[in-house]
Protein backbone atom coordinates (compact mmCIF):
# COMPACT_ATOMS: atom_id res chain seq x y z
CA MET A 1 0.00 0.00 0.00
CA ASP A 2 1.31 3.41 -0.95
CA PRO A 3 1.87 5.29 2.36
CA ALA A 4 0.98 8.66 0.78
CA ALA A 5 -2.28 7.28 -0.62
CA LEU A 6 -3.11 5.71 2.73
CA PHE A 7 -2.45 9.06 4.46
CA ILE A 8 -4.79 10.86 2.06
CA ALA A 9 -7.54 8.24 2.45
CA THR A 10 -7.22 8.20 6.25
CA THR A 11 -7.36 11.99 6.40
CA LEU A 12 -10.48 11.98 4.23
CA ALA A 13 -12.13 9.42 6.51
CA ALA A 14 -11.27 11.48 9.59
CA ALA A 15 -12.78 14.57 7.96
CA VAL A 16 -16.01 12.71 7.20
CA LEU A 17 -16.27 11.83 10.89
CA SER A 18 -15.53 15.42 11.97
CA GLU A 19 -17.63 18.55 11.93
CA THR A 20 -14.60 20.75 11.28
CA ALA A 21 -12.57 21.55 8.17
CA LYS A 22 -15.52 21.17 5.78
CA ASP A 23 -14.14 23.69 3.25
CA THR A 24 -10.76 21.99 2.95
CA TYR A 25 -12.42 18.57 2.84
CA GLY A 26 -14.71 19.82 0.07
CA ALA A 27 -11.78 21.17 -1.93
CA LEU A 28 -9.83 17.90 -1.62
CA LYS A 29 -12.89 15.83 -2.48
CA ALA A 30 -13.67 18.02 -5.52
CA LYS A 31 -10.10 17.79 -6.80
CA LEU A 32 -10.07 14.00 -6.43
CA ALA A 33 -13.45 13.72 -8.16
CA ASP A 34 -12.91 16.26 -10.95
CA VAL A 35 -9.26 15.70 -11.85
CA PHE A 36 -8.74 12.03 -10.97
CA GLU A 37 -12.32 10.77 -11.37
CA ILE A 38 -12.33 9.22 -7.89
CA LYS A 39 -16.01 9.50 -7.07
CA ASP A 40 -17.55 6.14 -6.22
CA GLU A 41 -14.94 5.30 -3.57
CA LEU A 42 -15.43 8.71 -1.92
CA ALA A 43 -19.21 8.25 -1.87
CA ILE A 44 -18.87 4.83 -0.25
CA LEU A 45 -16.37 6.13 2.32
CA GLU A 46 -18.76 8.94 3.25
CA LYS A 47 -21.46 6.37 4.00
CA LYS A 48 -19.13 4.15 6.04
CA PRO A 49 -16.11 6.25 7.11
CA GLY A 50 -15.05 3.75 9.77
CA SER A 51 -14.87 0.84 7.33
CA GLU A 52 -11.32 -0.41 6.89
CA PRO A 53 -12.05 -2.22 3.59
CA TYR A 54 -13.52 0.95 2.06
CA LEU A 55 -10.60 2.99 3.34
CA GLN A 56 -8.17 0.53 1.74
CA GLU A 57 -10.14 0.61 -1.52
CA LEU A 58 -10.01 4.41 -1.61
CA ALA A 59 -6.26 4.39 -0.86
CA GLU A 60 -5.67 1.90 -3.68
CA GLU A 61 -7.66 4.04 -6.12
CA ILE A 62 -5.75 7.18 -5.05
CA ALA A 63 -2.46 5.37 -5.67
CA LYS A 64 -3.59 3.76 -8.93
CA LYS A 65 -4.77 7.03 -10.46
CA GLY A 66 -1.62 8.91 -9.41
CA ALA A 67 -3.39 11.30 -7.07
CA ALA A 68 -0.95 10.56 -4.24
CA ALA A 69 1.86 12.05 -6.34
CA ASP A 70 -0.09 15.21 -7.17
CA GLN A 71 1.29 18.22 -5.30
CA ASP A 72 -2.10 19.94 -4.96
CA ILE A 73 -3.67 16.79 -3.53
CA THR A 74 -0.88 16.25 -1.00
CA GLN A 75 -0.97 19.92 0.06
CA LEU A 76 -4.74 19.80 0.54
CA ALA A 77 -4.48 16.54 2.50
CA LYS A 78 -1.77 18.00 4.76
CA ALA A 79 -3.82 21.18 5.28
CA LEU A 80 -6.89 19.08 6.09
CA ALA A 81 -4.94 16.94 8.56
CA GLU A 82 -3.62 20.09 10.24
CA GLU A 83 -7.11 21.62 10.48
CA LEU A 84 -8.46 18.42 11.98
CA LYS A 85 -5.59 18.36 14.45
CA GLN A 86 -6.16 21.97 15.51
CA ASN A 87 -9.92 21.62 15.82
CA THR A 88 -10.02 18.27 17.58
CA PRO A 89 -10.79 18.56 21.28
CA GLN A 90 -7.95 17.42 23.45
CA ASP A 91 -9.01 13.92 24.30
CA THR A 92 -7.21 11.70 26.72
CA ARG A 93 -7.41 8.77 24.31
CA THR A 94 -4.84 8.46 21.55
CA ALA A 95 -4.31 5.64 19.13
CA VAL A 96 -1.97 5.13 16.22
CA LEU A 97 -2.78 2.11 14.10
CA ILE A 98 -0.52 1.09 11.25
CA GLU A 99 -1.64 -2.06 9.47
CA GLN A 100 -2.19 -3.95 6.24
CA ILE A 101 0.80 -2.58 4.35
CA LYS A 102 2.22 -5.08 1.87
CA ASN A 103 4.96 -5.27 -0.73
CA SER A 104 6.36 -1.81 -0.33
CA GLN A 105 9.09 0.07 1.41
CA LEU A 106 7.97 1.84 4.55
CA GLU A 107 9.87 4.20 6.79
CA MET A 108 8.18 5.99 9.67
CA GLY A 109 9.52 7.88 12.63
CA GLU A 110 8.69 10.40 15.31
CA ILE A 111 5.39 8.83 16.36
CA HIS A 112 4.36 10.32 19.71
CA THR A 113 1.09 9.86 21.58
CA GLU A 114 -0.05 11.04 25.00
CA GLY A 115 -3.05 10.33 27.19
CA SER A 116 -4.45 6.83 27.27
CA SER A 117 -2.08 5.93 24.48
CA ARG A 118 -1.78 3.01 22.15
CA VAL A 119 0.46 2.44 19.18
CA ALA A 120 -0.30 -0.73 17.23
CA VAL A 121 1.63 -2.06 14.25
CA ARG A 122 0.36 -5.24 12.62
CA ASN A 123 0.20 -7.12 9.36
CA ILE A 124 3.13 -5.28 7.78
CA LYS A 125 4.90 -7.20 5.01
CA GLY A 126 7.51 -5.59 2.84
CA SER A 127 11.00 -5.75 1.55
CA LYS A 128 12.10 -2.88 3.78
CA VAL A 129 10.18 -1.78 6.86
CA LYS A 130 11.64 0.69 9.35
CA ILE A 131 9.66 2.18 12.22
CA GLY A 132 11.60 4.22 14.73
CA ASN A 133 11.32 6.61 17.65
CA VAL A 134 7.85 5.61 18.86
CA THR A 135 6.69 7.05 22.20
CA ALA A 136 3.35 6.31 23.88
CA LYS A 137 2.72 7.99 27.24
CA SER A 138 -0.21 7.52 29.58
């Protein structure tokens, strides 16, 4: 799974579940639909934003159509993630879940969580996987 595509799909799913950042979400959704013709997967994700299979399907479509490499898409996704981060109430629960990544190179670092924290990494298969500097504090 393309990590950039997975980031974009996960950010979209988080935005569907949130009441904040609607303008940025709308801009990212419109760009994916209009330029890359990714419509059906977005519609399904909006109906079931917590569904892992639909999230994976959207991420695969984003990667397949080259949207993950598009600078405008990545900038919008980063802006959306930042808006969600700033507008999310400070909750004591934190979770980082990294899973179902296959046949790719993956390098992640600087993963920090606080509160009732959990970092879970599972079902990762690849030729080169490196995950470093993970901190989870309660």
